[in-house]
Amino acid sequence: MSPLFIAGPCVIESTDVLDVVAAELLRLQEQYHLDIYFKASFDKANRTSISSFRGPGLEKGLQMLADVKAKFGLRLLTDIHEAWQAAPAAEVVDVLQIPAFLCRQTDLLVAASQTGKVVNIKKAQFLSGQDMRYPVEKARESGATEVWLTERGNSFGYNNLVVDFRNIADMLAFTPRVIMDCTHSVQRPGAACGKTGGNREFVPSMALAAKAFGATGYFFETHPDPDHALSDGPNMLRLEDLETVIKGLL
């Protein structure tokens, strides 16, 4: 199975940021013949602080994503947090993503699966790879024809994550598309004074380790200026470094 790539900014900040990232993803797609999806969130409903930037919201955010598709022809992925968001999001994007903390929410999984879109379920920080068999069953029994799983690390005490790469092999036992979230796995949740910290310098190593364990996809949040990004900046990959990381995986 050829590797799949998901990349884009954490949250929709502005048209300019979307266009800069999308243009680079299109260049990489054409140069390296990549199977790539553009990712950005219209709402980050799980930010650490109530004062943190969440995004433009469903209506405006989906229009901005639709504009990216129209301008660049890229396939789209976005996450949903409530069941009612599934149908309108499915009108615009190609893949509906279920956030890690919500991967056991039955109504959310059912609503996403009933749209007919690909459903990407992120493994919760408190579950094993083997535990993800049950969210997959919920999705398939609700009508999903294609279900992906994404590894993003497990909680390790307070404000830290650790990746057990055996989870990739465990999840491959019941779904063929297992993606490594190489940027969220280097997070330090809530460890930056009301924000999530992270160590982006470990992102390339996370990707290569996942490849060794058989990952069939890679997820990179990326930004032209992550130090000034409005969400997840410390763990996002600099856009200028994305090509080198992808070349290393190819």
C-alpha atoms as a PDB file:
ATOM      1  CA  MET A   1       0.000   0.000   0.000  1.00  0.00           C
ATOM      2  CA  SER A   2       1.459   3.358  -1.036  1.00  0.00           C
ATOM      3  CA  PRO A   3       1.891   5.869   1.791  1.00  0.00           C
ATOM      4  CA  LEU A   4      -0.764   8.487   2.368  1.00  0.00           C
ATOM      5  CA  PHE A   5       0.012  11.978   3.659  1.00  0.00           C
ATOM      6  CA  ILE A   6      -2.202  14.386   5.599  1.00  0.00           C
ATOM      7  CA  ALA A   7      -0.837  17.892   6.130  1.00  0.00           C
ATOM      8  CA  GLY A   8      -1.934  21.426   6.858  1.00  0.00           C
ATOM      9  CA  PRO A   9      -2.266  23.995   9.625  1.00  0.00           C
ATOM     10  CA  CYS A  10      -3.866  23.002  12.920  1.00  0.00           C
ATOM     11  CA  VAL A  11      -6.686  25.512  12.667  1.00  0.00           C
ATOM     12  CA  ILE A  12      -7.973  27.806   9.931  1.00  0.00           C
ATOM     13  CA  GLU A  13      -6.318  31.135  10.719  1.00  0.00           C
ATOM     14  CA  SER A  14      -6.597  33.116   7.492  1.00  0.00           C
ATOM     15  CA  THR A  15      -6.941  32.728   3.739  1.00  0.00           C
ATOM     16  CA  ASP A  16      -3.288  33.691   3.333  1.00  0.00           C
ATOM     17  CA  VAL A  17      -2.032  30.855   5.568  1.00  0.00           C
ATOM     18  CA  LEU A  18      -4.324  28.330   3.870  1.00  0.00           C
ATOM     19  CA  ASP A  19      -3.144  29.380   0.414  1.00  0.00           C
ATOM     20  CA  VAL A  20       0.563  29.316   1.277  1.00  0.00           C
ATOM     21  CA  VAL A  21       0.318  25.820   2.752  1.00  0.00           C
ATOM     22  CA  ALA A  22      -1.962  24.499   0.005  1.00  0.00           C
ATOM     23  CA  ALA A  23       0.345  25.785  -2.729  1.00  0.00           C
ATOM     24  CA  GLU A  24       3.299  23.936  -1.183  1.00  0.00           C
ATOM     25  CA  LEU A  25       1.274  20.732  -0.750  1.00  0.00           C
ATOM     26  CA  LEU A  26       0.218  20.893  -4.389  1.00  0.00           C
ATOM     27  CA  ARG A  27       3.850  21.346  -5.442  1.00  0.00           C
ATOM     28  CA  LEU A  28       4.930  18.345  -3.364  1.00  0.00           C
ATOM     29  CA  GLN A  29       2.032  16.266  -4.647  1.00  0.00           C
ATOM     30  CA  GLU A  30       2.984  16.914  -8.244  1.00  0.00           C
ATOM     31  CA  GLN A  31       6.751  16.584  -7.779  1.00  0.00           C
ATOM     32  CA  TYR A  32       6.669  13.358  -5.767  1.00  0.00           C
ATOM     33  CA  HIS A  33       3.337  11.912  -6.978  1.00  0.00           C
ATOM     34  CA  LEU A  34       1.981  11.888  -3.437  1.00  0.00           C
ATOM     35  CA  ASP A  35      -1.356  10.676  -2.160  1.00  0.00           C
ATOM     36  CA  ILE A  36      -1.988  13.795  -0.055  1.00  0.00           C
ATOM     37  CA  TYR A  37      -4.869  15.447   1.820  1.00  0.00           C
ATOM     38  CA  PHE A  38      -5.049  19.043   3.016  1.00  0.00           C
ATOM     39  CA  LYS A  39      -6.054  19.306   6.679  1.00  0.00           C
ATOM     40  CA  ALA A  40      -7.304  22.269   8.694  1.00  0.00           C
ATOM     41  CA  SER A  41      -9.899  22.614  11.468  1.00  0.00           C
ATOM     42  CA  PHE A  42     -12.817  25.026  11.298  1.00  0.00           C
ATOM     43  CA  ASP A  43     -13.163  24.810  15.087  1.00  0.00           C
ATOM     44  CA  LYS A  44     -10.820  23.585  17.798  1.00  0.00           C
ATOM     45  CA  ALA A  45     -13.346  22.715  20.469  1.00  0.00           C
ATOM     46  CA  ASN A  46     -10.772  21.177  22.814  1.00  0.00           C
ATOM     47  CA  ARG A  47      -8.349  24.047  23.403  1.00  0.00           C
ATOM     48  CA  THR A  48      -6.757  24.216  26.855  1.00  0.00           C
ATOM     49  CA  SER A  49      -7.988  27.722  27.739  1.00  0.00           C
ATOM     50  CA  ILE A  50     -11.320  29.393  27.065  1.00  0.00           C
ATOM     51  CA  SER A  51      -9.372  32.385  25.747  1.00  0.00           C
ATOM     52  CA  SER A  52      -7.528  30.313  23.110  1.00  0.00           C
ATOM     53  CA  PHE A  53      -8.283  30.852  19.422  1.00  0.00           C
ATOM     54  CA  ARG A  54     -10.735  28.245  18.132  1.00  0.00           C
ATOM     55  CA  GLY A  55     -11.155  29.094  14.458  1.00  0.00           C
ATOM     56  CA  PRO A  56     -13.746  30.743  12.205  1.00  0.00           C
ATOM     57  CA  GLY A  57     -16.559  28.278  12.945  1.00  0.00           C
ATOM     58  CA  LEU A  58     -18.444  25.805  10.799  1.00  0.00           C
ATOM     59  CA  GLU A  59     -20.059  27.979   8.119  1.00  0.00           C
ATOM     60  CA  LYS A  60     -17.159  30.304   7.378  1.00  0.00           C
ATOM     61  CA  GLY A  61     -14.568  27.567   7.885  1.00  0.00           C
ATOM     62  CA  LEU A  62     -16.192  25.176   5.436  1.00  0.00           C
ATOM     63  CA  GLN A  63     -16.415  27.946   2.842  1.00  0.00           C
ATOM     64  CA  MET A  64     -12.694  28.636   3.271  1.00  0.00           C
ATOM     65  CA  LEU A  65     -11.932  24.930   2.842  1.00  0.00           C
ATOM     66  CA  ALA A  66     -14.149  24.789  -0.241  1.00  0.00           C
ATOM     67  CA  ASP A  67     -12.137  27.693  -1.654  1.00  0.00           C
ATOM     68  CA  VAL A  68      -8.918  25.719  -1.108  1.00  0.00           C
ATOM     69  CA  LYS A  69     -10.367  22.796  -3.056  1.00  0.00           C
ATOM     70  CA  ALA A  70     -11.522  25.092  -5.862  1.00  0.00           C
ATOM     71  CA  LYS A  71      -8.149  26.895  -6.134  1.00  0.00           C
ATOM     72  CA  PHE A  72      -5.765  23.976  -5.703  1.00  0.00           C
ATOM     73  CA  GLY A  73      -7.754  20.809  -6.382  1.00  0.00           C
ATOM     74  CA  LEU A  74      -6.529  19.160  -3.184  1.00  0.00           C
ATOM     75  CA  ARG A  75      -8.601  16.622  -1.303  1.00  0.00           C
ATOM     76  CA  LEU A  76      -9.669  17.801   2.142  1.00  0.00           C
ATOM     77  CA  LEU A  77      -9.819  16.469   5.699  1.00  0.00           C
ATOM     78  CA  THR A  78     -11.299  18.207   8.721  1.00  0.00           C
ATOM     79  CA  ASP A  79     -12.394  17.142  12.172  1.00  0.00           C
ATOM     80  CA  ILE A  80     -15.852  17.299  13.676  1.00  0.00           C
ATOM     81  CA  HIS A  81     -16.747  17.432  17.351  1.00  0.00           C
ATOM     82  CA  GLU A  82     -20.533  17.007  17.347  1.00  0.00           C
ATOM     83  CA  ALA A  83     -22.817  14.708  15.397  1.00  0.00           C
ATOM     84  CA  TRP A  84     -24.746  17.530  13.737  1.00  0.00           C
ATOM     85  CA  GLN A  85     -21.541  18.799  12.091  1.00  0.00           C
ATOM     86  CA  ALA A  86     -21.052  15.605  10.063  1.00  0.00           C
ATOM     87  CA  ALA A  87     -23.548  16.249   7.268  1.00  0.00           C
ATOM     88  CA  PRO A  88     -22.554  19.838   6.413  1.00  0.00           C
ATOM     89  CA  ALA A  89     -18.847  19.026   6.666  1.00  0.00           C
ATOM     90  CA  ALA A  90     -19.316  16.032   4.366  1.00  0.00           C
ATOM     91  CA  GLU A  91     -20.647  18.339   1.662  1.00  0.00           C
ATOM     92  CA  VAL A  92     -17.188  19.936   1.424  1.00  0.00           C
ATOM     93  CA  VAL A  93     -14.484  17.545   2.624  1.00  0.00           C
ATOM     94  CA  ASP A  94     -13.391  14.080   1.561  1.00  0.00           C
ATOM     95  CA  VAL A  95     -12.467  12.709   4.985  1.00  0.00           C
ATOM     96  CA  LEU A  96     -14.178  13.297   8.332  1.00  0.00           C
ATOM     97  CA  GLN A  97     -11.824  13.014  11.277  1.00  0.00           C
ATOM     98  CA  ILE A  98     -12.883  12.006  14.772  1.00  0.00           C
ATOM     99  CA  PRO A  99     -10.706  13.674  17.445  1.00  0.00           C
ATOM    100  CA  ALA A 100      -8.845  11.385  19.834  1.00  0.00           C
ATOM    101  CA  PHE A 101     -10.746  12.370  22.969  1.00  0.00           C
ATOM    102  CA  LEU A 102     -14.028  11.654  21.148  1.00  0.00           C
ATOM    103  CA  CYS A 103     -13.201   8.343  19.476  1.00  0.00           C
ATOM    104  CA  ARG A 104     -15.655   6.411  21.675  1.00  0.00           C
ATOM    105  CA  GLN A 105     -18.569   8.823  21.115  1.00  0.00           C
ATOM    106  CA  THR A 106     -21.058   6.529  19.411  1.00  0.00           C
ATOM    107  CA  ASP A 107     -23.385   9.212  18.023  1.00  0.00           C
ATOM    108  CA  LEU A 108     -20.448  11.076  16.491  1.00  0.00           C
ATOM    109  CA  LEU A 109     -19.059   7.929  14.861  1.00  0.00           C
ATOM    110  CA  VAL A 110     -22.474   6.935  13.544  1.00  0.00           C
ATOM    111  CA  ALA A 111     -23.178  10.378  12.085  1.00  0.00           C
ATOM    112  CA  ALA A 112     -19.783  10.524  10.350  1.00  0.00           C
ATOM    113  CA  SER A 113     -20.159   7.005   8.987  1.00  0.00           C
ATOM    114  CA  GLN A 114     -23.630   7.641   7.579  1.00  0.00           C
ATOM    115  CA  THR A 115     -22.299  10.423   5.306  1.00  0.00           C
ATOM    116  CA  GLY A 116     -20.506   7.915   3.095  1.00  0.00           C
ATOM    117  CA  LYS A 117     -17.209   9.734   3.516  1.00  0.00           C
ATOM    118  CA  VAL A 118     -13.943   8.177   4.655  1.00  0.00           C
ATOM    119  CA  VAL A 119     -13.771   8.297   8.463  1.00  0.00           C
ATOM    120  CA  ASN A 120     -10.397   8.802  10.136  1.00  0.00           C
ATOM    121  CA  ILE A 121     -10.527   7.934  13.838  1.00  0.00           C
ATOM    122  CA  LYS A 122      -7.688   9.173  16.006  1.00  0.00           C
ATOM    123  CA  LYS A 123      -6.717   6.794  18.791  1.00  0.00           C
ATOM    124  CA  ALA A 124      -7.421   8.233  22.228  1.00  0.00           C
ATOM    125  CA  GLN A 125      -4.539   9.067  24.528  1.00  0.00           C
ATOM    126  CA  PHE A 126      -6.045   6.629  27.050  1.00  0.00           C
ATOM    127  CA  LEU A 127      -6.607   3.621  24.754  1.00  0.00           C
ATOM    128  CA  SER A 128      -4.426   0.878  23.338  1.00  0.00           C
ATOM    129  CA  GLY A 129      -4.241   0.012  19.672  1.00  0.00           C
ATOM    130  CA  GLN A 130      -6.225  -3.153  20.325  1.00  0.00           C
ATOM    131  CA  ASP A 131      -9.007  -1.085  21.951  1.00  0.00           C
ATOM    132  CA  MET A 132      -9.558   0.728  18.644  1.00  0.00           C
ATOM    133  CA  ARG A 133     -11.217  -2.381  17.204  1.00  0.00           C
ATOM    134  CA  TYR A 134     -14.491  -1.208  18.750  1.00  0.00           C
ATOM    135  CA  PRO A 135     -14.655   2.317  17.276  1.00  0.00           C
ATOM    136  CA  VAL A 136     -13.891   0.715  13.911  1.00  0.00           C
ATOM    137  CA  GLU A 137     -16.755  -1.743  14.399  1.00  0.00           C
ATOM    138  CA  LYS A 138     -19.120   1.108  15.295  1.00  0.00           C
ATOM    139  CA  ALA A 139     -18.154   2.961  12.127  1.00  0.00           C
ATOM    140  CA  ARG A 140     -18.416  -0.023   9.812  1.00  0.00           C
ATOM    141  CA  GLU A 141     -21.715  -1.191  11.246  1.00  0.00           C
ATOM    142  CA  SER A 142     -23.050   2.356  10.739  1.00  0.00           C
ATOM    143  CA  GLY A 143     -22.245   2.361   7.045  1.00  0.00           C
ATOM    144  CA  ALA A 144     -18.635   3.499   6.694  1.00  0.00           C
ATOM    145  CA  THR A 145     -16.972   1.733   3.788  1.00  0.00           C
ATOM    146  CA  GLU A 146     -13.474   3.049   4.526  1.00  0.00           C
ATOM    147  CA  VAL A 147     -12.131   3.605   8.044  1.00  0.00           C
ATOM    148  CA  TRP A 148      -8.647   4.865   8.876  1.00  0.00           C
ATOM    149  CA  LEU A 149      -6.976   4.862  12.281  1.00  0.00           C
ATOM    150  CA  THR A 150      -4.396   7.354  13.518  1.00  0.00           C
ATOM    151  CA  GLU A 151      -1.838   6.837  16.274  1.00  0.00           C
ATOM    152  CA  ARG A 152      -1.029   9.968  18.284  1.00  0.00           C
ATOM    153  CA  GLY A 153       0.603   8.773  21.501  1.00  0.00           C
ATOM    154  CA  ASN A 154      -0.632   7.977  24.982  1.00  0.00           C
ATOM    155  CA  SER A 155      -0.773  10.044  28.147  1.00  0.00           C
ATOM    156  CA  PHE A 156       2.361   9.528  30.213  1.00  0.00           C
ATOM    157  CA  GLY A 157       1.860  11.125  33.593  1.00  0.00           C
ATOM    158  CA  TYR A 158       1.041  14.824  33.482  1.00  0.00           C
ATOM    159  CA  ASN A 159       1.771  17.095  30.489  1.00  0.00           C
ATOM    160  CA  ASN A 160       3.492  14.426  28.475  1.00  0.00           C
ATOM    161  CA  LEU A 161       2.883  11.772  25.823  1.00  0.00           C
ATOM    162  CA  VAL A 162       4.742   8.629  24.866  1.00  0.00           C
ATOM    163  CA  VAL A 163       4.303   6.555  21.704  1.00  0.00           C
ATOM    164  CA  ASP A 164       4.064   2.772  21.877  1.00  0.00           C
ATOM    165  CA  PHE A 165       4.734   1.909  18.254  1.00  0.00           C
ATOM    166  CA  ARG A 166       3.358  -1.592  18.763  1.00  0.00           C
ATOM    167  CA  ASN A 167      -0.055   0.069  18.494  1.00  0.00           C
ATOM    168  CA  ILE A 168       0.525   0.497  14.760  1.00  0.00           C
ATOM    169  CA  ALA A 169       0.937  -3.232  14.228  1.00  0.00           C
ATOM    170  CA  ASP A 170      -2.003  -3.961  16.514  1.00  0.00           C
ATOM    171  CA  MET A 171      -4.303  -1.662  14.544  1.00  0.00           C
ATOM    172  CA  LEU A 172      -3.116  -2.981  11.180  1.00  0.00           C
ATOM    173  CA  ALA A 173      -4.621  -6.315  12.248  1.00  0.00           C
ATOM    174  CA  PHE A 174      -8.122  -4.947  11.628  1.00  0.00           C
ATOM    175  CA  THR A 175      -7.746  -1.971   9.286  1.00  0.00           C
ATOM    176  CA  PRO A 176      -5.295  -1.540   6.406  1.00  0.00           C
ATOM    177  CA  ARG A 177      -4.777   2.220   6.777  1.00  0.00           C
ATOM    178  CA  VAL A 178      -2.955   3.173   9.973  1.00  0.00           C
ATOM    179  CA  ILE A 179      -1.576   6.698  10.032  1.00  0.00           C
ATOM    180  CA  MET A 180       1.092   8.128  12.324  1.00  0.00           C
ATOM    181  CA  ASP A 181       0.306  11.592  13.629  1.00  0.00           C
ATOM    182  CA  CYS A 182       3.906  12.729  13.769  1.00  0.00           C
ATOM    183  CA  THR A 183       3.181  16.194  15.179  1.00  0.00           C
ATOM    184  CA  HIS A 184       0.514  15.640  17.840  1.00  0.00           C
ATOM    185  CA  SER A 185       2.593  12.785  19.216  1.00  0.00           C
ATOM    186  CA  VAL A 186       5.310  15.258  20.250  1.00  0.00           C
ATOM    187  CA  GLN A 187       2.870  17.475  22.171  1.00  0.00           C
ATOM    188  CA  ARG A 188       3.250  18.430  25.806  1.00  0.00           C
ATOM    189  CA  PRO A 189      -0.471  18.804  26.607  1.00  0.00           C
ATOM    190  CA  GLY A 190      -1.272  21.862  28.696  1.00  0.00           C
ATOM    191  CA  ALA A 191       2.402  22.327  29.514  1.00  0.00           C
ATOM    192  CA  ALA A 192       2.834  25.890  28.264  1.00  0.00           C
ATOM    193  CA  CYS A 193       0.928  28.073  30.719  1.00  0.00           C
ATOM    194  CA  GLY A 194      -2.598  27.376  29.487  1.00  0.00           C
ATOM    195  CA  LYS A 195      -1.479  26.187  26.070  1.00  0.00           C
ATOM    196  CA  THR A 196      -0.129  22.937  24.671  1.00  0.00           C
ATOM    197  CA  GLY A 197       3.629  22.772  24.319  1.00  0.00           C
ATOM    198  CA  GLY A 198       5.659  20.408  22.173  1.00  0.00           C
ATOM    199  CA  ASN A 199       8.988  19.358  20.692  1.00  0.00           C
ATOM    200  CA  ARG A 200       8.873  19.646  16.918  1.00  0.00           C
ATOM    201  CA  GLU A 201      12.510  18.562  16.606  1.00  0.00           C
ATOM    202  CA  PHE A 202      11.391  14.965  17.182  1.00  0.00           C
ATOM    203  CA  VAL A 203       8.833  14.936  14.336  1.00  0.00           C
ATOM    204  CA  PRO A 204      11.154  13.381  11.686  1.00  0.00           C
ATOM    205  CA  SER A 205      12.171  10.609  14.082  1.00  0.00           C
ATOM    206  CA  MET A 206       8.539   9.863  14.931  1.00  0.00           C
ATOM    207  CA  ALA A 207       7.814   9.476  11.231  1.00  0.00           C
ATOM    208  CA  LEU A 208      10.745   7.146  10.572  1.00  0.00           C
ATOM    209  CA  ALA A 209       9.983   5.007  13.629  1.00  0.00           C
ATOM    210  CA  ALA A 210       6.367   4.669  12.479  1.00  0.00           C
ATOM    211  CA  LYS A 211       7.553   3.589   9.037  1.00  0.00           C
ATOM    212  CA  ALA A 212       9.643   0.867  10.658  1.00  0.00           C
ATOM    213  CA  PHE A 213       6.531  -0.429  12.402  1.00  0.00           C
ATOM    214  CA  GLY A 214       4.521  -0.528   9.173  1.00  0.00           C
ATOM    215  CA  ALA A 215       2.540   2.738   9.180  1.00  0.00           C
ATOM    216  CA  THR A 216       0.690   3.284   5.907  1.00  0.00           C
ATOM    217  CA  GLY A 217       0.178   7.022   6.322  1.00  0.00           C
ATOM    218  CA  TYR A 218       1.672  10.111   7.955  1.00  0.00           C
ATOM    219  CA  PHE A 219      -0.012  13.169   9.469  1.00  0.00           C
ATOM    220  CA  PHE A 220       1.893  16.454   9.739  1.00  0.00           C
ATOM    221  CA  GLU A 221       0.485  19.704  10.996  1.00  0.00           C
ATOM    222  CA  THR A 222       2.552  22.351   9.262  1.00  0.00           C
ATOM    223  CA  HIS A 223       2.664  26.136   9.162  1.00  0.00           C
ATOM    224  CA  PRO A 224       4.816  28.796   7.457  1.00  0.00           C
ATOM    225  CA  ASP A 225       5.571  30.375  10.848  1.00  0.00           C
ATOM    226  CA  PRO A 226       4.697  27.913  13.621  1.00  0.00           C
ATOM    227  CA  ASP A 227       6.224  30.045  16.372  1.00  0.00           C
ATOM    228  CA  HIS A 228       3.409  32.534  15.730  1.00  0.00           C
ATOM    229  CA  ALA A 229       0.660  30.035  14.899  1.00  0.00           C
ATOM    230  CA  LEU A 230      -2.627  30.418  16.749  1.00  0.00           C
ATOM    231  CA  SER A 231      -2.842  26.741  17.775  1.00  0.00           C
ATOM    232  CA  ASP A 232      -0.319  23.922  18.351  1.00  0.00           C
ATOM    233  CA  GLY A 233       2.654  25.981  17.213  1.00  0.00           C
ATOM    234  CA  PRO A 234       5.331  24.221  19.332  1.00  0.00           C
ATOM    235  CA  ASN A 235       4.677  20.819  17.770  1.00  0.00           C
ATOM    236  CA  MET A 236       3.917  21.910  14.193  1.00  0.00           C
ATOM    237  CA  LEU A 237       6.476  21.307  11.481  1.00  0.00           C
ATOM    238  CA  ARG A 238       7.849  24.343   9.675  1.00  0.00           C
ATOM    239  CA  LEU A 239       6.438  24.319   6.157  1.00  0.00           C
ATOM    240  CA  GLU A 240       9.927  24.742   4.708  1.00  0.00           C
ATOM    241  CA  ASP A 241      10.991  21.481   6.400  1.00  0.00           C
ATOM    242  CA  LEU A 242       8.085  19.339   5.183  1.00  0.00           C
ATOM    243  CA  GLU A 243       9.712  18.325   1.905  1.00  0.00           C
ATOM    244  CA  THR A 244      12.832  16.983   3.626  1.00  0.00           C
ATOM    245  CA  VAL A 245      10.756  14.872   6.010  1.00  0.00           C
ATOM    246  CA  ILE A 246       8.608  13.465   3.210  1.00  0.00           C
ATOM    247  CA  LYS A 247      11.658  12.675   1.066  1.00  0.00           C
ATOM    248  CA  GLY A 248      13.122  10.745   3.989  1.00  0.00           C
ATOM    249  CA  LEU A 249       9.989   8.603   4.161  1.00  0.00           C
ATOM    250  CA  LEU A 250       9.882   7.979   0.408  1.00  0.00           C
END
